């Protein structure tokens, strides 16, 4: 009887662990904020100019612009100069993802579309 009880407890524990692992990919997908890059009246723009995310969350940029339109995202420094690269150059249909870990405000700019593609990401 004791062995049956221990076996049942172990089997129940394994079932719970299995359910947790089964759900992991869905949780990981929830950690990514998707932002479209679309054509505005003056050129490409971020569909969301101001975004708030949690520390450790990723942002995925999805270009809905013509395939010939390049994008290259860098951090915009307080003095207006280019800071660290956020993404390499990419075009539609490719997307780029960047994980933000440190809380704070990050200003992003596309080096090809400085006048239209500016974004502020607040990491909480």
PDB file of N, CA and C in Angstrom:
ATOM      1  N   UNK A   1       0.825  -1.194   0.000  1.00  0.00           N
ATOM      2  CA  UNK A   1       0.000   0.000   0.000  1.00  0.00           C
ATOM      3  C   UNK A   1       0.866   1.253   0.000  1.00  0.00           C
ATOM      4  N   UNK A   2       1.906   1.214   0.828  1.00  0.00           N
ATOM      5  CA  UNK A   2       2.804   2.375   0.909  1.00  0.00           C
ATOM      6  C   UNK A   2       3.472   2.629  -0.438  1.00  0.00           C
ATOM      7  N   UNK A   3       3.923   1.591  -1.114  1.00  0.00           N
ATOM      8  CA  UNK A   3       4.563   1.743  -2.426  1.00  0.00           C
ATOM      9  C   UNK A   3       3.594   2.312  -3.451  1.00  0.00           C
ATOM     10  N   UNK A   4       2.319   1.923  -3.375  1.00  0.00           N
ATOM     11  CA  UNK A   4       1.318   2.467  -4.293  1.00  0.00           C
ATOM     12  C   UNK A   4       1.118   3.958  -4.044  1.00  0.00           C
ATOM     13  N   UNK A   5       1.097   4.356  -2.772  1.00  0.00           N
ATOM     14  CA  UNK A   5       0.922   5.760  -2.414  1.00  0.00           C
ATOM     15  C   UNK A   5       2.101   6.586  -2.916  1.00  0.00           C
ATOM     16  N   UNK A   6       3.312   6.105  -2.696  1.00  0.00           N
ATOM     17  CA  UNK A   6       4.512   6.815  -3.171  1.00  0.00           C
ATOM     18  C   UNK A   6       4.500   6.894  -4.692  1.00  0.00           C
ATOM     19  N   UNK A   7       4.122   5.805  -5.344  1.00  0.00           N
ATOM     20  CA  UNK A   7       4.043   5.802  -6.809  1.00  0.00           C
ATOM     21  C   UNK A   7       3.031   6.802  -7.316  1.00  0.00           C
ATOM     22  N   UNK A   8       1.886   6.891  -6.661  1.00  0.00           N
ATOM     23  CA  UNK A   8       0.850   7.845  -7.070  1.00  0.00           C
ATOM     24  C   UNK A   8       1.322   9.285  -6.894  1.00  0.00           C
ATOM     25  N   UNK A   9       2.002   9.545  -5.786  1.00  0.00           N
ATOM     26  CA  UNK A   9       2.512  10.896  -5.533  1.00  0.00           C
ATOM     27  C   UNK A   9       3.551  11.258  -6.586  1.00  0.00           C
ATOM     28  N   UNK A  10       4.459  10.349  -6.897  1.00  0.00           N
ATOM     29  CA  UNK A  10       5.489  10.614  -7.907  1.00  0.00           C
ATOM     30  C   UNK A  10       4.867  10.844  -9.273  1.00  0.00           C
ATOM     31  N   UNK A  11       3.876  10.023  -9.634  1.00  0.00           N
ATOM     32  CA  UNK A  11       3.220  10.164 -10.922  1.00  0.00           C
ATOM     33  C   UNK A  11       2.491  11.504 -11.012  1.00  0.00           C
ATOM     34  N   UNK A  12       1.830  11.886  -9.918  1.00  0.00           N
ATOM     35  CA  UNK A  12       1.150  13.181  -9.882  1.00  0.00           C
ATOM     36  C   UNK A  12       2.124  14.334 -10.041  1.00  0.00           C
ATOM     37  N   UNK A  13       3.267  14.237  -9.367  1.00  0.00           N
ATOM     38  CA  UNK A  13       4.294  15.284  -9.482  1.00  0.00           C
ATOM     39  C   UNK A  13       4.837  15.387 -10.889  1.00  0.00           C
ATOM     40  N   UNK A  14       5.053  14.242 -11.521  1.00  0.00           N
ATOM     41  CA  UNK A  14       5.539  14.256 -12.906  1.00  0.00           C
ATOM     42  C   UNK A  14       4.500  14.855 -13.849  1.00  0.00           C
ATOM     43  N   UNK A  15       3.232  14.600 -13.593  1.00  0.00           N
ATOM     44  CA  UNK A  15       2.168  15.168 -14.423  1.00  0.00           C
ATOM     45  C   UNK A  15       2.168  16.691 -14.335  1.00  0.00           C
ATOM     46  N   UNK A  16       2.321  17.217 -13.119  1.00  0.00           N
ATOM     47  CA  UNK A  16       2.357  18.674 -12.935  1.00  0.00           C
ATOM     48  C   UNK A  16       3.560  19.266 -13.659  1.00  0.00           C
ATOM     49  N   UNK A  17       4.712  18.634 -13.509  1.00  0.00           N
ATOM     50  CA  UNK A  17       5.918  19.123 -14.192  1.00  0.00           C
ATOM     51  C   UNK A  17       5.716  19.085 -15.694  1.00  0.00           C
ATOM     52  N   UNK A  18       5.116  18.026 -16.197  1.00  0.00           N
ATOM     53  CA  UNK A  18       4.850  17.928 -17.636  1.00  0.00           C
ATOM     54  C   UNK A  18       3.954  19.044 -18.129  1.00  0.00           C
ATOM     55  N   UNK A  19       2.909  19.352 -17.361  1.00  0.00           N
ATOM     56  CA  UNK A  19       2.021  20.446 -17.752  1.00  0.00           C
ATOM     57  C   UNK A  19       2.749  21.782 -17.757  1.00  0.00           C
ATOM     58  N   UNK A  20       3.609  22.012 -16.796  1.00  0.00           N
ATOM     59  CA  UNK A  20       4.373  23.265 -16.755  1.00  0.00           C
ATOM     60  C   UNK A  20       5.300  23.382 -17.958  1.00  0.00           C
ATOM     61  N   UNK A  21       5.975  22.292 -18.289  1.00  0.00           N
ATOM     62  CA  UNK A  21       6.881  22.315 -19.440  1.00  0.00           C
ATOM     63  C   UNK A  21       6.115  22.441 -20.742  1.00  0.00           C
ATOM     64  N   UNK A  22       4.962  21.807 -20.821  1.00  0.00           N
ATOM     65  CA  UNK A  22       4.139  21.865 -22.031  1.00  0.00           C
ATOM     66  C   UNK A  22       3.750  23.305 -22.340  1.00  0.00           C
ATOM     67  N   UNK A  23       3.505  24.111 -21.320  1.00  0.00           N
ATOM     68  CA  UNK A  23       3.048  25.487 -21.475  1.00  0.00           C
ATOM     69  C   UNK A  23       4.198  26.477 -21.680  1.00  0.00           C
ATOM     70  N   UNK A  24       5.443  26.056 -21.514  1.00  0.00           N
ATOM     71  CA  UNK A  24       6.579  26.980 -21.585  1.00  0.00           C
ATOM     72  C   UNK A  24       6.689  27.749 -22.896  1.00  0.00           C
ATOM     73  N   UNK A  25       6.566  27.135 -24.084  1.00  0.00           N
ATOM     74  CA  UNK A  25       6.679  27.910 -25.316  1.00  0.00           C
ATOM     75  C   UNK A  25       5.640  29.021 -25.407  1.00  0.00           C
ATOM     76  N   UNK A  26       4.428  28.783 -24.934  1.00  0.00           N
ATOM     77  CA  UNK A  26       3.403  29.822 -24.978  1.00  0.00           C
ATOM     78  C   UNK A  26       3.799  30.990 -24.088  1.00  0.00           C
ATOM     79  N   UNK A  27       4.366  30.703 -22.939  1.00  0.00           N
ATOM     80  CA  UNK A  27       4.797  31.784 -22.058  1.00  0.00           C
ATOM     81  C   UNK A  27       5.944  32.570 -22.672  1.00  0.00           C
ATOM     82  N   UNK A  28       6.883  31.884 -23.313  1.00  0.00           N
ATOM     83  CA  UNK A  28       8.012  32.580 -23.939  1.00  0.00           C
ATOM     84  C   UNK A  28       7.518  33.514 -25.030  1.00  0.00           C
ATOM     85  N   UNK A  29       6.528  33.084 -25.804  1.00  0.00           N
ATOM     86  CA  UNK A  29       5.997  33.923 -26.878  1.00  0.00           C
ATOM     87  C   UNK A  29       5.350  35.185 -26.307  1.00  0.00           C
ATOM     88  N   UNK A  30       4.741  35.066 -25.112  1.00  0.00           N
ATOM     89  CA  UNK A  30       4.110  36.215 -24.488  1.00  0.00           C
ATOM     90  C   UNK A  30       5.130  37.262 -24.056  1.00  0.00           C
ATOM     91  N   UNK A  31       6.391  36.884 -23.923  1.00  0.00           N
ATOM     92  CA  UNK A  31       7.423  37.804 -23.483  1.00  0.00           C
ATOM     93  C   UNK A  31       7.954  38.692 -24.606  1.00  0.00           C
ATOM     94  N   UNK A  32       7.447  38.550 -25.811  1.00  0.00           N
ATOM     95  CA  UNK A  32       7.907  39.351 -26.937  1.00  0.00           C
ATOM     96  C   UNK A  32       6.827  40.343 -27.350  1.00  0.00           C
ATOM     97  N   UNK A  33       7.189  41.610 -27.406  1.00  0.00           N
ATOM     98  CA  UNK A  33       6.296  42.676 -27.867  1.00  0.00           C
ATOM     99  C   UNK A  33       6.576  42.882 -29.356  1.00  0.00           C
ATOM    100  N   UNK A  34       5.577  42.703 -30.193  1.00  0.00           N
ATOM    101  CA  UNK A  34       5.743  42.857 -31.636  1.00  0.00           C
ATOM    102  C   UNK A  34       5.355  44.269 -32.046  1.00  0.00           C
ATOM    103  N   UNK A  35       6.225  44.906 -32.834  1.00  0.00           N
ATOM    104  CA  UNK A  35       5.973  46.258 -33.320  1.00  0.00           C
ATOM    105  C   UNK A  35       6.165  46.278 -34.827  1.00  0.00           C
ATOM    106  N   UNK A  36       5.134  46.691 -35.536  1.00  0.00           N
ATOM    107  CA  UNK A  36       5.217  46.792 -36.992  1.00  0.00           C
ATOM    108  C   UNK A  36       5.933  48.072 -37.400  1.00  0.00           C
ATOM    109  N   UNK A  37       6.631  47.983 -38.528  1.00  0.00           N
ATOM    110  CA  UNK A  37       7.200  49.157 -39.189  1.00  0.00           C
ATOM    111  C   UNK A  37       6.364  49.331 -40.441  1.00  0.00           C
ATOM    112  N   UNK A  38       5.684  50.463 -40.534  1.00  0.00           N
ATOM    113  CA  UNK A  38       4.745  50.703 -41.631  1.00  0.00           C
ATOM    114  C   UNK A  38       5.127  51.968 -42.391  1.00  0.00           C
ATOM    115  N   UNK A  39       4.492  52.174 -43.541  1.00  0.00           N
ATOM    116  CA  UNK A  39       4.730  53.403 -44.301  1.00  0.00           C
ATOM    117  C   UNK A  39       3.784  54.490 -43.814  1.00  0.00           C
ATOM    118  N   UNK A  40       4.364  55.615 -43.410  1.00  0.00           N
ATOM    119  CA  UNK A  40       3.591  56.784 -43.027  1.00  0.00           C
ATOM    120  C   UNK A  40       3.592  57.764 -44.194  1.00  0.00           C
ATOM    121  N   UNK A  41       3.011  58.945 -44.005  1.00  0.00           N
ATOM    122  CA  UNK A  41       2.948  59.919 -45.098  1.00  0.00           C
ATOM    123  C   UNK A  41       4.327  60.418 -45.568  1.00  0.00           C
ATOM    124  N   UNK A  42       5.320  60.382 -44.652  1.00  0.00           N
ATOM    125  CA  UNK A  42       6.653  60.882 -45.012  1.00  0.00           C
ATOM    126  C   UNK A  42       7.704  59.784 -45.091  1.00  0.00           C
ATOM    127  N   UNK A  43       7.281  58.521 -44.959  1.00  0.00           N
ATOM    128  CA  UNK A  43       8.233  57.420 -45.010  1.00  0.00           C
ATOM    129  C   UNK A  43       7.940  56.395 -43.936  1.00  0.00           C
ATOM    130  N   UNK A  44       8.856  55.436 -43.747  1.00  0.00           N
ATOM    131  CA  UNK A  44       8.634  54.389 -42.747  1.00  0.00           C
ATOM    132  C   UNK A  44       8.557  54.961 -41.330  1.00  0.00           C
ATOM    133  N   UNK A  45       7.679  54.380 -40.525  1.00  0.00           N
ATOM    134  CA  UNK A  45       7.509  54.769 -39.121  1.00  0.00           C
ATOM    135  C   UNK A  45       7.268  53.517 -38.282  1.00  0.00           C
ATOM    136  N   UNK A  46       7.529  53.631 -36.985  1.00  0.00           N
ATOM    137  CA  UNK A  46       7.142  52.587 -36.053  1.00  0.00           C
ATOM    138  C   UNK A  46       5.646  52.731 -35.811  1.00  0.00           C
ATOM    139  N   UNK A  47       4.896  51.639 -35.861  1.00  0.00           N
ATOM    140  CA  UNK A  47       3.457  51.702 -35.606  1.00  0.00           C
ATOM    141  C   UNK A  47       3.180  52.196 -34.186  1.00  0.00           C
ATOM    142  N   UNK A  48       4.106  51.927 -33.269  1.00  0.00           N
ATOM    143  CA  UNK A  48       4.020  52.433 -31.902  1.00  0.00           C
ATOM    144  C   UNK A  48       5.296  53.211 -31.608  1.00  0.00           C
ATOM    145  N   UNK A  49       5.150  54.506 -31.383  1.00  0.00           N
ATOM    146  CA  UNK A  49       6.312  55.348 -31.122  1.00  0.00           C
ATOM    147  C   UNK A  49       6.814  55.221 -29.689  1.00  0.00           C
ATOM    148  N   UNK A  50       5.893  55.013 -28.751  1.00  0.00           N
ATOM    149  CA  UNK A  50       6.233  54.883 -27.331  1.00  0.00           C
ATOM    150  C   UNK A  50       5.745  53.529 -26.838  1.00  0.00           C
ATOM    151  N   UNK A  51       6.679  52.766 -26.284  1.00  0.00           N
ATOM    152  CA  UNK A  51       6.380  51.403 -25.850  1.00  0.00           C
ATOM    153  C   UNK A  51       6.885  51.214 -24.423  1.00  0.00           C
ATOM    154  N   UNK A  52       6.098  50.523 -23.599  1.00  0.00           N
ATOM    155  CA  UNK A  52       6.527  50.171 -22.246  1.00  0.00           C
ATOM    156  C   UNK A  52       6.548  48.650 -22.147  1.00  0.00           C
ATOM    157  N   UNK A  53       7.685  48.119 -21.682  1.00  0.00           N
ATOM    158  CA  UNK A  53       7.842  46.680 -21.522  1.00  0.00           C
ATOM    159  C   UNK A  53       8.448  46.399 -20.146  1.00  0.00           C
ATOM    160  N   UNK A  54       8.513  45.140 -19.797  1.00  0.00           N
ATOM    161  CA  UNK A  54       9.141  44.721 -18.545  1.00  0.00           C
ATOM    162  C   UNK A  54      10.590  44.356 -18.789  1.00  0.00           C
ATOM    163  N   UNK A  55      11.429  44.475 -17.766  1.00  0.00           N
ATOM    164  CA  UNK A  55      12.817  44.054 -17.878  1.00  0.00           C
ATOM    165  C   UNK A  55      12.882  42.580 -18.247  1.00  0.00           C
ATOM    166  N   UNK A  56      13.725  42.244 -19.199  1.00  0.00           N
ATOM    167  CA  UNK A  56      13.845  40.874 -19.670  1.00  0.00           C
ATOM    168  C   UNK A  56      12.937  40.568 -20.845  1.00  0.00           C
ATOM    169  N   UNK A  57      12.079  41.489 -21.197  1.00  0.00           N
ATOM    170  CA  UNK A  57      11.169  41.284 -22.321  1.00  0.00           C
ATOM    171  C   UNK A  57      11.865  41.665 -23.624  1.00  0.00           C
ATOM    172  N   UNK A  58      11.464  41.030 -24.709  1.00  0.00           N
ATOM    173  CA  UNK A  58      12.027  41.307 -26.025  1.00  0.00           C
ATOM    174  C   UNK A  58      11.051  42.108 -26.869  1.00  0.00           C
ATOM    175  N   UNK A  59      11.605  42.843 -27.825  1.00  0.00           N
ATOM    176  CA  UNK A  59      10.808  43.546 -28.824  1.00  0.00           C
ATOM    177  C   UNK A  59      11.180  42.957 -30.176  1.00  0.00           C
ATOM    178  N   UNK A  60      10.163  42.653 -30.973  1.00  0.00           N
ATOM    179  CA  UNK A  60      10.381  42.176 -32.338  1.00  0.00           C
ATOM    180  C   UNK A  60       9.828  43.220 -33.296  1.00  0.00           C
ATOM    181  N   UNK A  61      10.682  43.704 -34.197  1.00  0.00           N
ATOM    182  CA  UNK A  61      10.264  44.670 -35.197  1.00  0.00           C
ATOM    183  C   UNK A  61       9.945  43.923 -36.483  1.00  0.00           C
ATOM    184  N   UNK A  62       8.755  44.189 -37.032  1.00  0.00           N
ATOM    185  CA  UNK A  62       8.267  43.496 -38.220  1.00  0.00           C
ATOM    186  C   UNK A  62       8.027  44.525 -39.321  1.00  0.00           C
ATOM    187  N   UNK A  63       8.902  44.575 -40.342  1.00  0.00           N
ATOM    188  CA  UNK A  63       8.697  45.553 -41.411  1.00  0.00           C
ATOM    189  C   UNK A  63       7.541  45.165 -42.320  1.00  0.00           C
ATOM    190  N   UNK A  64       6.634  46.110 -42.516  1.00  0.00           N
ATOM    191  CA  UNK A  64       5.529  45.965 -43.467  1.00  0.00           C
ATOM    192  C   UNK A  64       5.784  46.898 -44.651  1.00  0.00           C
ATOM    193  N   UNK A  65       7.041  47.250 -44.827  1.00  0.00           N
ATOM    194  CA  UNK A  65       7.483  48.145 -45.888  1.00  0.00           C
ATOM    195  C   UNK A  65       7.922  47.314 -47.094  1.00  0.00           C
ATOM    196  N   UNK A  66       8.127  47.935 -48.269  1.00  0.00           N
ATOM    197  CA  UNK A  66       8.591  47.170 -49.423  1.00  0.00           C
ATOM    198  C   UNK A  66       9.911  46.449 -49.121  1.00  0.00           C
ATOM    199  N   UNK A  67      10.136  45.270 -49.721  1.00  0.00           N
ATOM    200  CA  UNK A  67      11.364  44.512 -49.469  1.00  0.00           C
ATOM    201  C   UNK A  67      12.655  45.285 -49.776  1.00  0.00           C
ATOM    202  N   UNK A  68      12.571  46.287 -50.613  1.00  0.00           N
ATOM    203  CA  UNK A  68      13.766  47.071 -50.955  1.00  0.00           C
ATOM    204  C   UNK A  68      14.093  48.139 -49.916  1.00  0.00           C
ATOM    205  N   UNK A  69      13.252  48.295 -48.893  1.00  0.00           N
ATOM    206  CA  UNK A  69      13.454  49.324 -47.869  1.00  0.00           C
ATOM    207  C   UNK A  69      14.245  48.750 -46.698  1.00  0.00           C
ATOM    208  N   UNK A  70      15.496  49.217 -46.498  1.00  0.00           N
ATOM    209  CA  UNK A  70      16.313  48.692 -45.403  1.00  0.00           C
ATOM    210  C   UNK A  70      16.008  49.402 -44.078  1.00  0.00           C
ATOM    211  N   UNK A  71      16.281  48.705 -42.989  1.00  0.00           N
ATOM    212  CA  UNK A  71      16.163  49.274 -41.648  1.00  0.00           C
ATOM    213  C   UNK A  71      17.390  48.854 -40.849  1.00  0.00           C
ATOM    214  N   UNK A  72      17.875  49.753 -40.007  1.00  0.00           N
ATOM    215  CA  UNK A  72      19.028  49.490 -39.144  1.00  0.00           C
ATOM    216  C   UNK A  72      18.812  50.288 -37.868  1.00  0.00           C
ATOM    217  N   UNK A  73      18.518  49.597 -36.774  1.00  0.00           N
ATOM    218  CA  UNK A  73      18.155  50.274 -35.534  1.00  0.00           C
ATOM    219  C   UNK A  73      19.340  50.397 -34.597  1.00  0.00           C
ATOM    220  N   UNK A  74      19.529  51.605 -34.096  1.00  0.00           N
ATOM    221  CA  UNK A  74      20.587  51.891 -33.131  1.00  0.00           C
ATOM    222  C   UNK A  74      19.986  52.666 -31.965  1.00  0.00           C
ATOM    223  N   UNK A  75      20.698  52.650 -30.848  1.00  0.00           N
ATOM    224  CA  UNK A  75      20.288  53.469 -29.716  1.00  0.00           C
ATOM    225  C   UNK A  75      20.675  54.907 -30.016  1.00  0.00           C
ATOM    226  N   UNK A  76      19.765  55.824 -29.768  1.00  0.00           N
ATOM    227  CA  UNK A  76      20.027  57.251 -29.963  1.00  0.00           C
ATOM    228  C   UNK A  76      20.487  57.813 -28.625  1.00  0.00           C
ATOM    229  N   UNK A  77      21.689  58.348 -28.612  1.00  0.00           N
ATOM    230  CA  UNK A  77      22.270  58.875 -27.382  1.00  0.00           C
ATOM    231  C   UNK A  77      21.667  60.249 -27.043  1.00  0.00           C
ATOM    232  N   UNK A  78      21.799  60.698 -25.774  1.00  0.00           N
ATOM    233  CA  UNK A  78      21.225  61.986 -25.376  1.00  0.00           C
ATOM    234  C   UNK A  78      21.707  63.170 -26.221  1.00  0.00           C
ATOM    235  N   UNK A  79      22.944  63.081 -26.740  1.00  0.00           N
ATOM    236  CA  UNK A  79      23.452  64.182 -27.569  1.00  0.00           C
ATOM    237  C   UNK A  79      23.042  64.045 -29.038  1.00  0.00           C
ATOM    238  N   UNK A  80      22.205  63.037 -29.360  1.00  0.00           N
ATOM    239  CA  UNK A  80      21.718  62.864 -30.724  1.00  0.00           C
ATOM    240  C   UNK A  80      22.558  61.951 -31.599  1.00  0.00           C
ATOM    241  N   UNK A  81      23.714  61.531 -31.096  1.00  0.00           N
ATOM    242  CA  UNK A  81      24.585  60.659 -31.898  1.00  0.00           C
ATOM    243  C   UNK A  81      24.115  59.206 -31.794  1.00  0.00           C
ATOM    244  N   UNK A  82      24.622  58.391 -32.718  1.00  0.00           N
ATOM    245  CA  UNK A  82      24.306  56.966 -32.703  1.00  0.00           C
ATOM    246  C   UNK A  82      25.054  56.276 -31.575  1.00  0.00           C
ATOM    247  N   UNK A  83      24.318  55.458 -30.842  1.00  0.00           N
ATOM    248  CA  UNK A  83      24.904  54.643 -29.792  1.00  0.00           C
ATOM    249  C   UNK A  83      25.029  53.209 -30.265  1.00  0.00           C
ATOM    250  N   UNK A  84      24.933  52.275 -29.342  1.00  0.00           N
ATOM    251  CA  UNK A  84      25.081  50.864 -29.691  1.00  0.00           C
ATOM    252  C   UNK A  84      24.042  50.392 -30.711  1.00  0.00           C
ATOM    253  N   UNK A  85      24.468  49.460 -31.542  1.00  0.00           N
ATOM    254  CA  UNK A  85      23.575  48.865 -32.528  1.00  0.00           C
ATOM    255  C   UNK A  85      22.555  47.982 -31.815  1.00  0.00           C
ATOM    256  N   UNK A  86      21.291  48.136 -32.181  1.00  0.00           N
ATOM    257  CA  UNK A  86      20.212  47.309 -31.631  1.00  0.00           C
ATOM    258  C   UNK A  86      19.946  46.135 -32.573  1.00  0.00           C
ATOM    259  N   UNK A  87      19.963  46.391 -33.888  1.00  0.00           N
ATOM    260  CA  UNK A  87      19.757  45.334 -34.886  1.00  0.00           C
ATOM    261  C   UNK A  87      20.738  45.533 -36.033  1.00  0.00           C
ATOM    262  N   UNK A  88      21.059  44.463 -36.748  1.00  0.00           N
ATOM    263  CA  UNK A  88      21.772  44.641 -38.011  1.00  0.00           C
ATOM    264  C   UNK A  88      20.770  45.161 -39.054  1.00  0.00           C
ATOM    265  N   UNK A  89      21.243  45.447 -40.251  1.00  0.00           N
ATOM    266  CA  UNK A  89      20.358  45.873 -41.336  1.00  0.00           C
ATOM    267  C   UNK A  89      19.412  44.720 -41.669  1.00  0.00           C
ATOM    268  N   UNK A  90      18.123  45.046 -41.828  1.00  0.00           N
ATOM    269  CA  UNK A  90      17.134  44.025 -42.209  1.00  0.00           C
ATOM    270  C   UNK A  90      16.074  44.626 -43.119  1.00  0.00           C
ATOM    271  N   UNK A  91      15.418  43.766 -43.875  1.00  0.00           N
ATOM    272  CA  UNK A  91      14.374  44.143 -44.835  1.00  0.00           C
ATOM    273  C   UNK A  91      13.183  43.203 -44.651  1.00  0.00           C
ATOM    274  N   UNK A  92      12.020  43.631 -45.115  1.00  0.00           N
ATOM    275  CA  UNK A  92      10.851  42.771 -45.206  1.00  0.00           C
ATOM    276  C   UNK A  92      11.200  41.623 -46.164  1.00  0.00           C
ATOM    277  N   UNK A  93      11.000  40.375 -45.850  1.00  0.00           N
ATOM    278  CA  UNK A  93      10.133  39.808 -44.822  1.00  0.00           C
ATOM    279  C   UNK A  93      10.860  39.444 -43.531  1.00  0.00           C
ATOM    280  N   UNK A  94      12.135  39.796 -43.394  1.00  0.00           N
ATOM    281  CA  UNK A  94      12.880  39.454 -42.178  1.00  0.00           C
ATOM    282  C   UNK A  94      12.451  40.353 -41.021  1.00  0.00           C
ATOM    283  N   UNK A  95      12.534  39.816 -39.822  1.00  0.00           N
ATOM    284  CA  UNK A  95      12.253  40.580 -38.612  1.00  0.00           C
ATOM    285  C   UNK A  95      13.515  40.591 -37.760  1.00  0.00           C
ATOM    286  N   UNK A  96      13.545  41.456 -36.769  1.00  0.00           N
ATOM    287  CA  UNK A  96      14.657  41.499 -35.822  1.00  0.00           C
ATOM    288  C   UNK A  96      14.093  41.595 -34.411  1.00  0.00           C
ATOM    289  N   UNK A  97      14.768  40.941 -33.476  1.00  0.00           N
ATOM    290  CA  UNK A  97      14.340  40.927 -32.082  1.00  0.00           C
ATOM    291  C   UNK A  97      15.508  41.341 -31.192  1.00  0.00           C
ATOM    292  N   UNK A  98      15.191  42.112 -30.161  1.00  0.00           N
ATOM    293  CA  UNK A  98      16.200  42.540 -29.189  1.00  0.00           C
ATOM    294  C   UNK A  98      15.592  42.417 -27.800  1.00  0.00           C
ATOM    295  N   UNK A  99      16.359  41.850 -26.873  1.00  0.00           N
ATOM    296  CA  UNK A  99      15.911  41.690 -25.489  1.00  0.00           C
ATOM    297  C   UNK A  99      16.440  42.854 -24.653  1.00  0.00           C
ATOM    298  N   UNK A 100      15.552  43.485 -23.902  1.00  0.00           N
ATOM    299  CA  UNK A 100      15.901  44.612 -23.051  1.00  0.00           C
ATOM    300  C   UNK A 100      15.885  44.149 -21.596  1.00  0.00           C
ATOM    301  N   UNK A 101      17.018  44.271 -20.912  1.00  0.00           N
ATOM    302  CA  UNK A 101      17.109  43.778 -19.548  1.00  0.00           C
ATOM    303  C   UNK A 101      17.103  44.849 -18.487  1.00  0.00           C
ATOM    304  N   UNK A 102      17.828  45.925 -18.709  1.00  0.00           N
ATOM    305  CA  UNK A 102      18.022  46.948 -17.692  1.00  0.00           C
ATOM    306  C   UNK A 102      16.879  47.962 -17.700  1.00  0.00           C
ATOM    307  N   UNK A 103      16.258  48.204 -16.555  1.00  0.00           N
ATOM    308  CA  UNK A 103      15.204  49.230 -16.499  1.00  0.00           C
ATOM    309  C   UNK A 103      15.748  50.603 -16.906  1.00  0.00           C
ATOM    310  N   UNK A 104      14.908  51.372 -17.555  1.00  0.00           N
ATOM    311  CA  UNK A 104      15.276  52.709 -17.997  1.00  0.00           C
ATOM    312  C   UNK A 104      14.567  53.060 -19.288  1.00  0.00           C
ATOM    313  N   UNK A 105      14.992  54.144 -19.893  1.00  0.00           N
ATOM    314  CA  UNK A 105      14.403  54.614 -21.150  1.00  0.00           C
ATOM    315  C   UNK A 105      15.450  54.489 -22.239  1.00  0.00           C
ATOM    316  N   UNK A 106      15.066  53.835 -23.334  1.00  0.00           N
ATOM    317  CA  UNK A 106      15.965  53.644 -24.468  1.00  0.00           C
ATOM    318  C   UNK A 106      15.337  54.311 -25.684  1.00  0.00           C
ATOM    319  N   UNK A 107      16.063  55.236 -26.265  1.00  0.00           N
ATOM    320  CA  UNK A 107      15.608  55.889 -27.499  1.00  0.00           C
ATOM    321  C   UNK A 107      16.244  55.146 -28.670  1.00  0.00           C
ATOM    322  N   UNK A 108      15.418  54.818 -29.656  1.00  0.00           N
ATOM    323  CA  UNK A 108      15.872  54.051 -30.813  1.00  0.00           C
ATOM    324  C   UNK A 108      15.609  54.852 -32.073  1.00  0.00           C
ATOM    325  N   UNK A 109      16.508  54.696 -33.031  1.00  0.00           N
ATOM    326  CA  UNK A 109      16.395  55.403 -34.298  1.00  0.00           C
ATOM    327  C   UNK A 109      16.882  54.497 -35.417  1.00  0.00           C
ATOM    328  N   UNK A 110      16.249  54.608 -36.580  1.00  0.00           N
ATOM    329  CA  UNK A 110      16.712  53.892 -37.770  1.00  0.00           C
ATOM    330  C   UNK A 110      17.728  54.779 -38.481  1.00  0.00           C
ATOM    331  N   UNK A 111      18.894  54.227 -38.780  1.00  0.00           N
ATOM    332  CA  UNK A 111      19.936  55.041 -39.421  1.00  0.00           C
ATOM    333  C   UNK A 111      19.567  55.418 -40.852  1.00  0.00           C
ATOM    334  N   UNK A 112      18.650  54.690 -41.483  1.00  0.00           N
ATOM    335  CA  UNK A 112      18.214  55.011 -42.841  1.00  0.00           C
ATOM    336  C   UNK A 112      17.051  55.991 -42.871  1.00  0.00           C
ATOM    337  N   UNK A 113      16.295  56.087 -41.778  1.00  0.00           N
ATOM    338  CA  UNK A 113      15.086  56.917 -41.748  1.00  0.00           C
ATOM    339  C   UNK A 113      15.041  57.743 -40.461  1.00  0.00           C
ATOM    340  N   UNK A 114      16.073  58.536 -40.254  1.00  0.00           N
ATOM    341  CA  UNK A 114      16.213  59.305 -39.015  1.00  0.00           C
ATOM    342  C   UNK A 114      15.062  60.269 -38.765  1.00  0.00           C
ATOM    343  N   UNK A 115      14.504  60.818 -39.822  1.00  0.00           N
ATOM    344  CA  UNK A 115      13.432  61.813 -39.668  1.00  0.00           C
ATOM    345  C   UNK A 115      12.074  61.218 -39.331  1.00  0.00           C
ATOM    346  N   UNK A 116      11.890  59.920 -39.608  1.00  0.00           N
ATOM    347  CA  UNK A 116      10.561  59.339 -39.400  1.00  0.00           C
ATOM    348  C   UNK A 116      10.533  58.150 -38.433  1.00  0.00           C
ATOM    349  N   UNK A 117      11.667  57.463 -38.279  1.00  0.00           N
ATOM    350  CA  UNK A 117      11.666  56.261 -37.443  1.00  0.00           C
ATOM    351  C   UNK A 117      12.412  56.496 -36.139  1.00  0.00           C
ATOM    352  N   UNK A 118      11.680  57.007 -35.160  1.00  0.00           N
ATOM    353  CA  UNK A 118      12.220  57.233 -33.817  1.00  0.00           C
ATOM    354  C   UNK A 118      11.255  56.594 -32.829  1.00  0.00           C
ATOM    355  N   UNK A 119      11.811  55.915 -31.843  1.00  0.00           N
ATOM    356  CA  UNK A 119      10.980  55.201 -30.895  1.00  0.00           C
ATOM    357  C   UNK A 119      11.572  55.315 -29.497  1.00  0.00           C
ATOM    358  N   UNK A 120      10.697  55.378 -28.503  1.00  0.00           N
ATOM    359  CA  UNK A 120      11.111  55.392 -27.104  1.00  0.00           C
ATOM    360  C   UNK A 120      10.580  54.126 -26.444  1.00  0.00           C
ATOM    361  N   UNK A 121      11.501  53.350 -25.872  1.00  0.00           N
ATOM    362  CA  UNK A 121      11.125  52.133 -25.166  1.00  0.00           C
ATOM    363  C   UNK A 121      11.430  52.334 -23.691  1.00  0.00           C
ATOM    364  N   UNK A 122      10.406  52.227 -22.868  1.00  0.00           N
ATOM    365  CA  UNK A 122      10.563  52.334 -21.425  1.00  0.00           C
ATOM    366  C   UNK A 122      10.555  50.924 -20.857  1.00  0.00           C
ATOM    367  N   UNK A 123      11.647  50.577 -20.185  1.00  0.00           N
ATOM    368  CA  UNK A 123      11.785  49.251 -19.594  1.00  0.00           C
ATOM    369  C   UNK A 123      11.547  49.390 -18.100  1.00  0.00           C
ATOM    370  N   UNK A 124      10.517  48.733 -17.596  1.00  0.00           N
ATOM    371  CA  UNK A 124      10.153  48.823 -16.160  1.00  0.00           C
ATOM    372  C   UNK A 124      10.810  47.725 -15.378  1.00  0.00           C
TER     373      UNK A 124
END
